[in-house]
């Protein structure tokens, strides 16, 4: 059972695991002789423990009741209705808030109304852009032929029409209906065809066999219409680059006129974090890479990079060749190389330390299995390109707040590690309600001056929070937002709010003991704490020593170090 690269047989793995915890904890990382500058670069990735076995999160009674006094679901609904009204959009209500919410923000429900609102907002943004160069870039993206292109569906149709000018949504309808991808009762709605084409785009990316069966069905039913479908699907694939270009425009281009100069979304984010104590806004708030990823619904997730201070505590270079390789290829180059380490056995293997149970895995496997990746080459945001771009801007800022919060936490953690290299590094966690609450609150606050001008920018996050609160009264976003809102109201200082959340990211139950909060929430003193279920899992990634040749790692050895008392060294 070779779950760990380098453990070539079961006997060797068992021998390593059964070594005493005290002896292993005392060992330093293995040392290897210097092999000269011409030898293959040799590195060690130290053993890492990440995640948590805690399945319950405890929120102090005074804090929770101060937050619930605002009634999170009502708060979320009121915010959504406000932004919908100001954007001149009819809010979706009742069951539709949960059943059609995703389609709505993707331009696949009430499409005509949403498209009109997006065009109005884009026109207002264009008139506000302070520089000719930025305005020309805006026009290239949103008005490439003089007509508005506002989302992925528009971009795909425009791409296809440049190859076949007579093509339209109706051209594809017959083949889609024959393959049962258009509901006959809904076949004439403006959303029916783009909804089906987006669904097929996701299917082609996730299940090629199923897609080929649909393709064959369409071809047998109507070959001309099927060809139109395939051309449009190519447009959907090609237009994903347009989508990330659009988001990058808003992120980095100075499109907001503010006090006589142009500012980007990144300027607003960095300015806010600089006020929180980041001495270098550029270094402290690295720009995330934006990646289009087909989730099948309006989703975005952060992929967490590794702060330099932590990287140098996780990696040991053993020879001059390794140091030279790292100088040439950089931290990101080595982190990309780690993805080529052996995946290991797919079996579920658990390590019982006597006090807890930890799953054994490998870095590449954990990176693939985790929605957020693991030890990524750099901060990134993966986002579904079907999410209407203007509505997705709030989501991009939300996910960037997750990245920045985690980077600050890991930077502080790395600074506290002892000077010598750690045999085992147990990474800190972030409690989920606290994490989502901070991202909701922080993104809303940063975007406030932009939303005051263009209310549509708040609609995506607003309908998300309203829908989630309706679906689940314990939702992490709506409850977390209410918790952080109550905390911020008590402290009356965003920087102090951020710092107390960072200091207690793993243990939010300690927050209520702060003297200022004890006074602010005294009306709720003595009320019971509340426990929420959270889906967490602790994993162990064994130490691995390897050489690198032509960008690929060759494993020399792996070992498992059992943390004393179930704890990693910190």
Protein backbone atom coordinates (compact mmCIF):
# COMPACT_ATOMS: atom_id res chain seq x y z
CA UNK A 1 0.00 0.00 0.00
CA UNK A 2 1.96 2.98 -1.26
CA UNK A 3 -0.11 5.90 -0.05
CA UNK A 4 3.07 7.87 0.57
CA UNK A 5 5.61 8.31 -2.21
CA UNK A 6 8.78 6.46 -1.31
CA UNK A 7 7.03 3.92 0.94
CA UNK A 8 7.43 1.11 -1.54
CA UNK A 9 6.07 -1.70 0.58
CA UNK A 10 3.62 -2.17 3.40
CA UNK A 11 6.23 -3.37 5.89
CA UNK A 12 8.32 -0.23 5.55
CA UNK A 13 5.29 2.05 5.97
CA UNK A 14 4.16 0.21 9.10
CA UNK A 15 7.65 0.37 10.54
CA UNK A 16 7.79 4.13 10.05
CA UNK A 17 4.34 4.70 11.54
CA UNK A 18 4.99 2.54 14.60
CA UNK A 19 8.14 4.35 15.65
CA UNK A 20 7.62 6.11 18.93
CA UNK A 21 6.22 9.63 18.82
CA UNK A 22 8.79 10.95 21.27
CA UNK A 23 11.76 9.71 19.24
CA UNK A 24 10.40 11.03 15.97
CA UNK A 25 9.51 14.41 17.39
CA UNK A 26 13.08 14.83 18.61
CA UNK A 27 14.59 14.16 15.21
CA UNK A 28 15.67 17.04 13.02
CA UNK A 29 15.04 16.91 9.25
CA UNK A 30 17.36 14.50 7.52
CA UNK A 31 20.63 15.96 6.40
CA UNK A 32 22.27 14.97 3.15
CA UNK A 33 25.82 15.61 1.97
CA UNK A 34 26.42 18.52 -0.31
CA UNK A 35 26.65 17.18 -3.84
CA UNK A 36 28.20 20.17 -5.53
CA UNK A 37 26.66 22.76 -7.85
CA UNK A 38 26.49 20.26 -10.70
CA UNK A 39 24.43 17.70 -8.73
CA UNK A 40 20.67 17.47 -9.10
CA UNK A 41 18.81 19.98 -6.93
CA UNK A 42 17.69 18.24 -3.74
CA UNK A 43 14.83 19.51 -1.55
CA UNK A 44 12.78 18.36 1.41
CA UNK A 45 9.14 19.27 1.87
CA UNK A 46 8.57 18.89 5.59
CA UNK A 47 5.64 17.04 7.03
CA UNK A 48 2.49 19.16 7.13
CA UNK A 49 -0.67 18.74 9.17
CA UNK A 50 -3.64 20.81 8.08
CA UNK A 51 -7.34 20.99 8.87
CA UNK A 52 -9.09 20.06 12.07
CA UNK A 53 -11.01 17.18 13.58
CA UNK A 54 -13.33 19.56 15.40
CA UNK A 55 -16.81 19.03 13.93
CA UNK A 56 -18.49 21.62 16.13
CA UNK A 57 -17.98 25.37 16.36
CA UNK A 58 -18.98 27.21 19.53
CA UNK A 59 -20.19 30.82 19.29
CA UNK A 60 -20.48 32.72 22.62
CA UNK A 61 -24.05 33.43 23.64
CA UNK A 62 -23.69 37.21 24.10
CA UNK A 63 -22.07 37.63 20.68
CA UNK A 64 -24.55 35.37 18.90
CA UNK A 65 -27.62 36.99 20.44
CA UNK A 66 -26.29 40.47 19.68
CA UNK A 67 -25.95 39.33 16.07
CA UNK A 68 -29.31 37.56 15.89
CA UNK A 69 -31.05 40.65 17.20
CA UNK A 70 -30.68 41.98 13.67
CA UNK A 71 -32.44 38.83 12.28
CA UNK A 72 -29.95 37.68 9.58
CA UNK A 73 -32.59 36.47 7.10
CA UNK A 74 -34.54 39.73 7.29
CA UNK A 75 -31.29 41.68 7.05
CA UNK A 76 -30.25 39.74 3.95
CA UNK A 77 -33.65 40.10 2.28
CA UNK A 78 -33.82 43.83 3.03
CA UNK A 79 -30.38 44.36 1.49
CA UNK A 80 -31.25 42.37 -1.62
CA UNK A 81 -34.56 44.22 -2.11
CA UNK A 82 -32.80 47.55 -1.69
CA UNK A 83 -30.20 46.85 -4.37
CA UNK A 84 -32.76 45.31 -6.72
CA UNK A 85 -35.02 48.36 -6.40
CA UNK A 86 -32.15 50.80 -7.00
CA UNK A 87 -31.05 48.74 -10.02
CA UNK A 88 -34.65 48.79 -11.37
CA UNK A 89 -34.91 45.01 -11.24
CA UNK A 90 -37.90 43.10 -9.93
CA UNK A 91 -36.59 40.95 -7.03
CA UNK A 92 -37.29 37.24 -7.18
CA UNK A 93 -39.38 36.08 -4.25
CA UNK A 94 -40.50 32.99 -2.37
CA UNK A 95 -39.48 29.63 -3.77
CA UNK A 96 -37.97 31.29 -6.84
CA UNK A 97 -35.37 32.88 -4.58
CA UNK A 98 -33.87 29.44 -4.06
CA UNK A 99 -34.82 27.70 -7.33
CA UNK A 100 -33.93 30.49 -9.79
CA UNK A 101 -31.34 32.52 -7.88
CA UNK A 102 -28.38 30.92 -9.64
CA UNK A 103 -29.94 31.26 -13.10
CA UNK A 104 -30.85 34.87 -12.37
CA UNK A 105 -27.30 36.07 -11.68
CA UNK A 106 -26.11 34.13 -14.74
CA UNK A 107 -28.50 35.98 -17.05
CA UNK A 108 -30.61 32.85 -17.52
CA UNK A 109 -33.73 34.01 -15.64
CA UNK A 110 -35.47 37.33 -16.36
CA UNK A 111 -32.68 37.81 -18.91
CA UNK A 112 -34.13 40.80 -20.74
CA UNK A 113 -34.64 42.79 -17.54
CA UNK A 114 -31.17 41.97 -16.22
CA UNK A 115 -29.52 42.74 -19.58
CA UNK A 116 -31.18 46.17 -19.67
CA UNK A 117 -29.94 46.91 -16.14
CA UNK A 118 -26.40 45.76 -17.00
CA UNK A 119 -26.33 47.93 -20.13
CA UNK A 120 -27.52 50.96 -18.15
CA UNK A 121 -24.79 50.39 -15.59
CA UNK A 122 -22.11 49.87 -18.24
CA UNK A 123 -23.13 53.11 -19.95
CA UNK A 124 -22.89 54.95 -16.62
CA UNK A 125 -19.48 53.40 -15.91
CA UNK A 126 -18.23 54.31 -19.38
CA UNK A 127 -19.22 57.95 -18.93
CA UNK A 128 -17.30 57.99 -15.64
CA UNK A 129 -14.01 56.53 -16.95
CA UNK A 130 -11.37 59.28 -16.61
CA UNK A 131 -8.81 58.18 -19.26
CA UNK A 132 -9.05 57.66 -23.02
CA UNK A 133 -6.84 54.55 -22.94
CA UNK A 134 -8.98 52.90 -20.26
CA UNK A 135 -12.15 53.84 -22.14
CA UNK A 136 -10.78 52.32 -25.34
CA UNK A 137 -10.04 49.08 -23.50
CA UNK A 138 -13.58 49.14 -22.07
CA UNK A 139 -15.04 49.55 -25.57
CA UNK A 140 -12.88 46.72 -26.91
CA UNK A 141 -14.35 44.40 -24.30
CA UNK A 142 -17.98 45.51 -24.12
CA UNK A 143 -18.62 47.10 -27.53
CA UNK A 144 -16.27 45.32 -29.94
CA UNK A 145 -18.52 45.87 -32.98
CA UNK A 146 -20.57 48.77 -31.68
CA UNK A 147 -23.12 46.47 -30.00
CA UNK A 148 -23.12 45.69 -26.29
CA UNK A 149 -21.62 42.39 -25.13
CA UNK A 150 -22.52 42.07 -21.46
CA UNK A 151 -21.92 38.44 -20.46
CA UNK A 152 -20.66 35.03 -21.59
CA UNK A 153 -23.82 34.32 -23.57
CA UNK A 154 -23.54 37.55 -25.54
CA UNK A 155 -19.83 36.94 -26.10
CA UNK A 156 -20.42 33.38 -27.36
CA UNK A 157 -23.13 34.52 -29.78
CA UNK A 158 -20.97 37.40 -31.05
CA UNK A 159 -18.03 35.01 -31.58
CA UNK A 160 -20.22 32.58 -33.56
CA UNK A 161 -21.78 35.34 -35.67
CA UNK A 162 -18.35 36.53 -36.77
CA UNK A 163 -18.02 33.08 -38.41
CA UNK A 164 -21.66 32.73 -39.49
CA UNK A 165 -23.46 36.12 -39.61
CA UNK A 166 -26.94 34.61 -40.05
CA UNK A 167 -26.69 32.44 -36.94
CA UNK A 168 -28.92 33.14 -33.94
CA UNK A 169 -30.31 31.43 -30.86
CA UNK A 170 -33.27 30.20 -32.91
CA UNK A 171 -30.94 28.37 -35.31
CA UNK A 172 -29.84 26.08 -32.48
CA UNK A 173 -33.28 25.54 -30.94
CA UNK A 174 -34.43 22.63 -33.15
CA UNK A 175 -31.44 20.38 -32.39
CA UNK A 176 -31.54 21.22 -28.69
CA UNK A 177 -35.25 20.43 -28.50
CA UNK A 178 -34.76 17.12 -30.34
CA UNK A 179 -32.09 16.11 -27.81
CA UNK A 180 -34.42 17.17 -24.95
CA UNK A 181 -32.14 19.97 -23.81
CA UNK A 182 -34.87 22.59 -24.24
CA UNK A 183 -38.09 22.26 -22.27
CA UNK A 184 -40.99 22.36 -24.78
CA UNK A 185 -43.01 24.46 -22.33
CA UNK A 186 -40.18 26.99 -22.19
CA UNK A 187 -38.81 26.65 -25.71
CA UNK A 188 -39.64 30.18 -26.89
CA UNK A 189 -38.28 32.06 -23.87
CA UNK A 190 -35.17 34.16 -24.43
CA UNK A 191 -33.31 32.13 -21.78
CA UNK A 192 -34.11 28.65 -23.11
CA UNK A 193 -31.34 28.30 -25.70
CA UNK A 194 -28.48 30.00 -23.81
CA UNK A 195 -29.45 28.01 -20.69
CA UNK A 196 -29.18 24.77 -22.68
CA UNK A 197 -25.92 25.81 -24.35
CA UNK A 198 -24.33 26.71 -21.04
CA UNK A 199 -25.42 23.36 -19.64
CA UNK A 200 -23.87 21.56 -22.61
CA UNK A 201 -20.67 23.57 -22.15
CA UNK A 202 -20.43 22.28 -18.59
CA UNK A 203 -21.27 18.73 -19.74
CA UNK A 204 -18.57 18.79 -22.41
CA UNK A 205 -16.01 19.82 -19.78
CA UNK A 206 -17.06 17.27 -17.17
CA UNK A 207 -18.44 14.20 -19.00
CA UNK A 208 -17.23 13.85 -22.57
CA UNK A 209 -19.00 10.51 -23.10
CA UNK A 210 -22.40 11.93 -22.15
CA UNK A 211 -21.75 14.99 -24.30
CA UNK A 212 -20.91 12.85 -27.33
CA UNK A 213 -24.22 11.01 -26.96
CA UNK A 214 -26.11 14.32 -26.95
CA UNK A 215 -24.08 15.48 -29.94
CA UNK A 216 -24.99 12.32 -31.87
CA UNK A 217 -28.69 12.73 -30.99
CA UNK A 218 -28.68 16.31 -32.28
CA UNK A 219 -26.90 15.34 -35.49
CA UNK A 220 -29.43 12.61 -36.29
CA UNK A 221 -32.37 14.91 -35.58
CA UNK A 222 -31.27 18.03 -37.49
CA UNK A 223 -27.72 18.24 -38.83
CA UNK A 224 -27.94 21.93 -39.82
CA UNK A 225 -29.21 23.03 -36.42
CA UNK A 226 -26.68 20.70 -34.73
CA UNK A 227 -23.84 22.45 -36.56
CA UNK A 228 -25.15 25.77 -35.21
CA UNK A 229 -25.13 24.31 -31.71
CA UNK A 230 -21.52 23.16 -32.08
CA UNK A 231 -20.43 26.56 -33.41
CA UNK A 232 -22.09 28.29 -30.46
CA UNK A 233 -20.49 25.84 -28.04
CA UNK A 234 -17.10 26.71 -29.51
CA UNK A 235 -18.03 30.34 -28.88
CA UNK A 236 -18.75 29.53 -25.23
CA UNK A 237 -15.35 27.87 -24.89
CA UNK A 238 -13.48 30.70 -26.63
CA UNK A 239 -15.33 33.43 -24.71
CA UNK A 240 -14.11 32.23 -21.31
CA UNK A 241 -10.93 34.21 -22.00
CA UNK A 242 -13.09 37.27 -22.70
CA UNK A 243 -14.70 36.72 -19.30
CA UNK A 244 -11.45 36.74 -17.32
CA UNK A 245 -10.25 39.73 -19.38
CA UNK A 246 -13.38 41.62 -18.30
CA UNK A 247 -12.88 40.84 -14.62
CA UNK A 248 -9.19 41.75 -14.86
CA UNK A 249 -10.18 45.07 -16.45
CA UNK A 250 -12.25 46.01 -13.40
CA UNK A 251 -9.62 44.66 -11.06
CA UNK A 252 -6.58 46.52 -12.41
CA UNK A 253 -7.69 49.32 -14.78
CA UNK A 254 -8.35 52.84 -13.36
CA UNK A 255 -12.03 52.94 -14.37
CA UNK A 256 -13.44 54.74 -11.30
CA UNK A 257 -13.15 58.52 -11.21
CA UNK A 258 -12.31 59.34 -7.61
CA UNK A 259 -11.12 62.75 -6.42
CA UNK A 260 -9.72 63.72 -9.78
CA UNK A 261 -7.94 60.46 -10.61
CA UNK A 262 -8.75 56.97 -11.79
CA UNK A 263 -8.83 54.04 -9.39
CA UNK A 264 -9.28 50.29 -9.86
CA UNK A 265 -10.91 47.71 -7.63
CA UNK A 266 -7.41 46.66 -6.57
CA UNK A 267 -6.72 50.25 -5.47
CA UNK A 268 -9.75 50.18 -3.18
CA UNK A 269 -8.82 46.79 -1.72
CA UNK A 270 -5.18 47.70 -1.17
CA UNK A 271 -6.06 51.07 0.30
CA UNK A 272 -8.33 49.41 2.83
CA UNK A 273 -5.73 46.83 3.88
CA UNK A 274 -3.07 49.52 4.09
CA UNK A 275 -5.26 51.28 6.63
CA UNK A 276 -5.32 47.98 8.54
CA UNK A 277 -1.59 48.13 9.06
CA UNK A 278 -0.06 46.55 5.94
CA UNK A 279 3.14 48.58 5.55
CA UNK A 280 3.46 47.78 1.84
CA UNK A 281 0.06 47.61 0.08
CA UNK A 282 1.58 46.02 -3.04
CA UNK A 283 3.47 43.27 -1.19
CA UNK A 284 0.81 42.77 1.47
CA UNK A 285 -2.08 42.45 -1.00
CA UNK A 286 -0.80 40.49 -4.03
CA UNK A 287 -3.13 40.56 -7.01
CA UNK A 288 -4.86 37.18 -7.43
CA UNK A 289 -4.86 35.38 -10.76
CA UNK A 290 -8.39 35.00 -12.16
CA UNK A 291 -9.24 31.59 -13.62
CA UNK A 292 -12.40 30.58 -15.46
CA UNK A 293 -13.68 27.26 -14.09
CA UNK A 294 -16.97 25.64 -15.05
CA UNK A 295 -18.75 24.74 -11.81
CA UNK A 296 -22.19 24.67 -13.40
CA UNK A 297 -23.53 27.41 -11.12
CA UNK A 298 -22.41 30.91 -10.01
CA UNK A 299 -19.51 29.84 -7.84
CA UNK A 300 -16.11 31.30 -7.03
CA UNK A 301 -13.43 29.88 -4.73
CA UNK A 302 -10.05 31.17 -3.49
CA UNK A 303 -6.91 29.13 -4.19
CA UNK A 304 -4.46 29.94 -1.41
CA UNK A 305 -0.84 30.66 -2.28
CA UNK A 306 2.04 30.36 0.16
CA UNK A 307 3.53 33.49 1.79
CA UNK A 308 7.33 33.58 1.33
CA UNK A 309 7.96 33.44 5.09
CA UNK A 310 6.01 30.19 5.35
CA UNK A 311 7.51 28.71 2.18
CA UNK A 312 11.00 28.86 3.66
CA UNK A 313 9.78 27.04 6.77
CA UNK A 314 8.23 24.23 4.74
CA UNK A 315 11.09 23.66 2.29
CA UNK A 316 14.75 22.80 2.95
CA UNK A 317 17.33 23.11 0.18
CA UNK A 318 20.11 20.53 0.57
CA UNK A 319 22.78 21.52 -1.95
CA UNK A 320 24.04 24.40 -4.08
CA UNK A 321 22.15 23.00 -7.05
CA UNK A 322 18.88 23.35 -5.14
CA UNK A 323 19.64 26.93 -4.17
CA UNK A 324 20.57 27.79 -7.76
CA UNK A 325 17.40 26.12 -9.07
CA UNK A 326 15.27 28.06 -6.61
CA UNK A 327 16.98 31.34 -7.57
CA UNK A 328 16.19 30.69 -11.22
CA UNK A 329 12.67 29.29 -10.94
CA UNK A 330 11.41 30.96 -7.80
CA UNK A 331 9.01 29.83 -5.11
CA UNK A 332 6.14 29.43 -7.57
CA UNK A 333 8.27 27.19 -9.79
CA UNK A 334 8.97 24.75 -6.95
CA UNK A 335 5.34 24.76 -5.80
CA UNK A 336 4.29 23.87 -9.35
CA UNK A 337 6.87 21.08 -9.38
CA UNK A 338 5.33 19.61 -6.21
CA UNK A 339 2.16 18.91 -8.23
CA UNK A 340 4.14 16.22 -10.10
CA UNK A 341 4.98 14.25 -6.96
CA UNK A 342 3.32 10.79 -6.90
CA UNK A 343 -0.37 10.89 -6.01
CA UNK A 344 -0.09 7.84 -3.76
CA UNK A 345 -2.67 5.17 -3.05
CA UNK A 346 -6.33 6.13 -3.44
CA UNK A 347 -7.31 4.05 -0.40
CA UNK A 348 -8.45 5.84 2.73
CA UNK A 349 -5.59 5.42 5.22
CA UNK A 350 -5.93 6.76 8.75
CA UNK A 351 -3.23 7.38 11.34
CA UNK A 352 -4.34 6.88 14.97
CA UNK A 353 -2.04 8.81 17.29
CA UNK A 354 -3.73 7.80 20.52
CA UNK A 355 -5.54 11.12 20.91
CA UNK A 356 -6.96 11.67 17.45
CA UNK A 357 -7.32 10.26 13.95
CA UNK A 358 -5.62 11.89 10.96
CA UNK A 359 -6.03 11.01 7.30
CA UNK A 360 -2.80 10.30 5.40
CA UNK A 361 -2.57 11.81 1.93
CA UNK A 362 -0.09 13.45 -0.43
CA UNK A 363 0.30 17.05 -1.50
CA UNK A 364 -0.87 16.60 -5.13
CA UNK A 365 -3.84 14.49 -4.04
CA UNK A 366 -4.91 16.94 -1.33
CA UNK A 367 -4.55 19.82 -3.78
CA UNK A 368 -6.84 18.09 -6.26
CA UNK A 369 -9.41 17.02 -3.69
CA UNK A 370 -9.66 20.38 -1.96
CA UNK A 371 -11.92 23.00 -3.49
CA UNK A 372 -9.34 25.61 -2.48
CA UNK A 373 -6.27 23.71 -3.65
CA UNK A 374 -3.28 23.43 -1.32
CA UNK A 375 0.12 25.19 -1.25
CA UNK A 376 -0.77 26.81 -4.56
CA UNK A 377 1.93 28.60 -6.64
CA UNK A 378 0.15 31.90 -6.02
CA UNK A 379 -3.13 33.42 -4.86
CA UNK A 380 -5.89 32.80 -7.40
CA UNK A 381 -9.67 32.99 -7.71
CA UNK A 382 -11.47 30.34 -9.75
CA UNK A 383 -14.85 31.61 -10.93
CA UNK A 384 -17.57 30.24 -13.16
CA UNK A 385 -17.63 32.31 -16.39
CA UNK A 386 -21.42 32.08 -16.55
CA UNK A 387 -21.70 34.49 -13.60
CA UNK A 388 -22.73 37.86 -15.05
CA UNK A 389 -19.51 39.95 -14.83
CA UNK A 390 -20.88 43.06 -13.13
CA UNK A 391 -22.70 40.94 -10.55
CA UNK A 392 -19.57 38.85 -10.04
CA UNK A 393 -17.39 41.81 -9.01
CA UNK A 394 -18.65 41.64 -5.44
CA UNK A 395 -17.84 37.93 -5.41
CA UNK A 396 -14.30 38.57 -6.67
CA UNK A 397 -13.68 41.07 -3.88
CA UNK A 398 -15.26 38.64 -1.38
CA UNK A 399 -12.89 35.83 -2.38
CA UNK A 400 -9.93 38.21 -2.37
CA UNK A 401 -10.75 39.00 1.26
CA UNK A 402 -10.45 35.29 2.05
CA UNK A 403 -7.02 35.25 0.39
CA UNK A 404 -5.77 38.33 2.21
CA UNK A 405 -7.06 37.21 5.60
CA UNK A 406 -5.38 33.82 5.22
CA UNK A 407 -2.12 35.40 4.03
CA UNK A 408 -1.99 37.68 7.09
CA UNK A 409 -2.73 34.70 9.34
CA UNK A 410 -0.02 32.50 7.76
CA UNK A 411 2.53 35.35 7.79
CA UNK A 412 1.99 35.80 11.53
CA UNK A 413 2.16 32.04 12.07
CA UNK A 414 5.45 31.73 10.17
CA UNK A 415 7.03 34.57 12.17
CA UNK A 416 6.25 32.78 15.43
CA UNK A 417 7.88 29.49 14.41
CA UNK A 418 11.25 28.75 16.07
CA UNK A 419 14.36 29.62 14.08
CA UNK A 420 15.25 26.01 13.38
CA UNK A 421 13.36 24.08 10.72
CA UNK A 422 10.36 22.17 11.99
CA UNK A 423 10.12 18.42 11.51
CA UNK A 424 6.33 18.77 11.55
CA UNK A 425 4.43 21.97 10.73
CA UNK A 426 0.78 22.11 11.75
CA UNK A 427 -0.91 24.92 9.85
CA UNK A 428 -3.52 27.06 11.62
CA UNK A 429 -7.16 26.86 10.58
CA UNK A 430 -9.88 29.49 10.18
CA UNK A 431 -13.29 28.88 11.73
CA UNK A 432 -15.82 28.81 8.83
CA UNK A 433 -18.44 31.21 10.26
CA UNK A 434 -15.74 33.71 11.10
CA UNK A 435 -14.11 33.34 7.66
CA UNK A 436 -17.31 33.86 5.69
CA UNK A 437 -18.52 36.62 7.97
CA UNK A 438 -15.29 38.56 7.57
CA UNK A 439 -15.31 38.21 3.78
CA UNK A 440 -18.95 39.34 3.53
CA UNK A 441 -18.47 42.33 5.83
CA UNK A 442 -15.12 43.42 4.43
CA UNK A 443 -16.12 43.15 0.76
CA UNK A 444 -19.34 45.08 1.39
CA UNK A 445 -17.45 47.84 3.18
CA UNK A 446 -14.76 48.15 0.50
CA UNK A 447 -17.30 48.27 -2.33
CA UNK A 448 -19.61 50.76 -0.58
CA UNK A 449 -18.41 53.87 -2.50
CA UNK A 450 -18.80 52.06 -5.82
CA UNK A 451 -22.19 50.56 -4.96
CA UNK A 452 -23.43 54.03 -4.02
CA UNK A 453 -22.89 54.99 -7.68
CA UNK A 454 -23.78 51.69 -9.35
CA UNK A 455 -26.17 49.67 -7.14
CA UNK A 456 -26.14 46.71 -9.54
CA UNK A 457 -22.63 45.86 -8.28
CA UNK A 458 -24.20 44.75 -4.97
CA UNK A 459 -26.95 42.62 -6.50
CA UNK A 460 -24.99 39.37 -6.95
CA UNK A 461 -23.80 39.12 -3.35
CA UNK A 462 -27.13 40.48 -2.11
CA UNK A 463 -29.27 37.80 -3.76
CA UNK A 464 -26.75 35.11 -2.76
CA UNK A 465 -26.96 36.01 0.92
CA UNK A 466 -30.76 36.30 0.79
CA UNK A 467 -31.10 32.94 -0.91
CA UNK A 468 -28.70 31.16 1.42
CA UNK A 469 -30.43 32.60 4.49
CA UNK A 470 -33.78 31.36 3.13
CA UNK A 471 -32.40 27.86 2.42
CA UNK A 472 -30.58 27.34 5.72
CA UNK A 473 -31.03 29.28 8.94
CA UNK A 474 -27.51 28.20 10.00
CA UNK A 475 -25.85 29.31 6.76
CA UNK A 476 -22.24 30.39 7.34
CA UNK A 477 -22.49 33.47 5.10
CA UNK A 478 -25.61 35.03 6.63
CA UNK A 479 -24.90 34.05 10.26
CA UNK A 480 -21.20 34.92 9.86
CA UNK A 481 -22.05 38.29 8.33
CA UNK A 482 -24.39 39.10 11.23
CA UNK A 483 -21.71 38.07 13.75
CA UNK A 484 -19.03 40.28 12.22
CA UNK A 485 -21.48 43.14 11.75
CA UNK A 486 -22.28 42.99 15.49
CA UNK A 487 -18.57 42.85 16.31
CA UNK A 488 -17.79 45.84 14.08
CA UNK A 489 -20.66 47.83 15.58
CA UNK A 490 -19.30 47.21 19.08
CA UNK A 491 -15.66 48.04 18.26
CA UNK A 492 -16.45 50.94 15.89
CA UNK A 493 -13.16 50.53 14.06
CA UNK A 494 -12.64 48.30 10.98
CA UNK A 495 -8.94 47.81 11.68
CA UNK A 496 -9.59 46.65 15.25
CA UNK A 497 -12.36 44.37 14.00
CA UNK A 498 -10.03 42.76 11.48
CA UNK A 499 -7.25 42.32 14.03
CA UNK A 500 -9.41 40.68 16.67
CA UNK A 501 -10.77 38.28 14.05
CA UNK A 502 -7.24 37.43 12.91
CA UNK A 503 -6.07 36.90 16.48
CA UNK A 504 -8.94 34.48 17.16
CA UNK A 505 -9.37 32.91 13.75
CA UNK A 506 -9.20 29.38 15.16
CA UNK A 507 -11.05 30.03 18.42
CA UNK A 508 -13.85 32.60 17.97
CA UNK A 509 -15.28 31.67 21.37
CA UNK A 510 -12.50 33.75 22.93
CA UNK A 511 -13.69 36.97 21.28
CA UNK A 512 -16.52 37.66 23.71
CA UNK A 513 -14.05 37.98 26.59
CA UNK A 514 -12.64 41.22 25.17
CA UNK A 515 -13.43 44.00 27.70
CA UNK A 516 -15.05 46.35 25.18
CA UNK A 517 -17.27 43.58 23.89
CA UNK A 518 -18.23 42.38 27.34
CA UNK A 519 -19.55 45.89 28.00
CA UNK A 520 -21.23 46.27 24.59
CA UNK A 521 -23.05 42.93 24.89
CA UNK A 522 -23.85 43.01 28.61
CA UNK A 523 -27.58 42.94 27.82
CA UNK A 524 -27.04 39.42 26.51
CA UNK A 525 -24.76 38.29 29.32
CA UNK A 526 -25.46 34.81 30.62
CA UNK A 527 -27.30 33.67 27.49
CA UNK A 528 -26.21 30.19 26.33
CA UNK A 529 -23.58 29.58 23.71
CA UNK A 530 -24.60 27.94 20.47
CA UNK A 531 -22.83 25.09 18.74
CA UNK A 532 -22.82 24.76 14.95
CA UNK A 533 -21.78 21.70 12.98
CA UNK A 534 -18.84 22.34 10.64
CA UNK A 535 -17.44 19.84 8.08
CA UNK A 536 -13.73 19.67 8.88
CA UNK A 537 -11.06 17.01 8.47
CA UNK A 538 -7.46 16.83 9.63
CA UNK A 539 -4.93 15.45 7.16
CA UNK A 540 -1.23 14.64 7.30
CA UNK A 541 1.12 15.06 4.34
CA UNK A 542 4.34 13.12 5.02
CA UNK A 543 7.82 14.56 4.67
CA UNK A 544 9.27 13.90 1.22
CA UNK A 545 12.84 14.42 -0.02
CA UNK A 546 13.28 14.65 -3.77
CA UNK A 547 15.54 15.83 -6.57
CA UNK A 548 14.39 17.85 -9.58
CA UNK A 549 15.38 17.21 -13.17
CA UNK A 550 13.78 19.00 -16.15
CA UNK A 551 11.07 20.35 -13.86
CA UNK A 552 9.99 16.93 -12.55
CA UNK A 553 10.60 15.61 -9.03
CA UNK A 554 12.18 12.23 -8.32
CA UNK A 555 11.40 11.00 -4.81
CA UNK A 556 14.37 9.82 -2.73
CA UNK A 557 12.53 9.07 0.53
CA UNK A 558 9.40 9.78 2.53
CA UNK A 559 8.67 9.41 6.21
CA UNK A 560 5.79 9.91 8.61
CA UNK A 561 6.46 11.69 11.89
CA UNK A 562 3.84 11.21 14.56
CA UNK A 563 3.17 14.53 16.31
CA UNK A 564 3.45 14.31 20.12
CA UNK A 565 0.00 14.28 21.75
CA UNK A 566 -1.56 14.72 18.33
CA UNK A 567 -0.10 18.19 17.96
CA UNK A 568 2.26 19.48 15.32
CA UNK A 569 5.25 21.58 16.35
CA UNK A 570 4.57 25.26 16.40
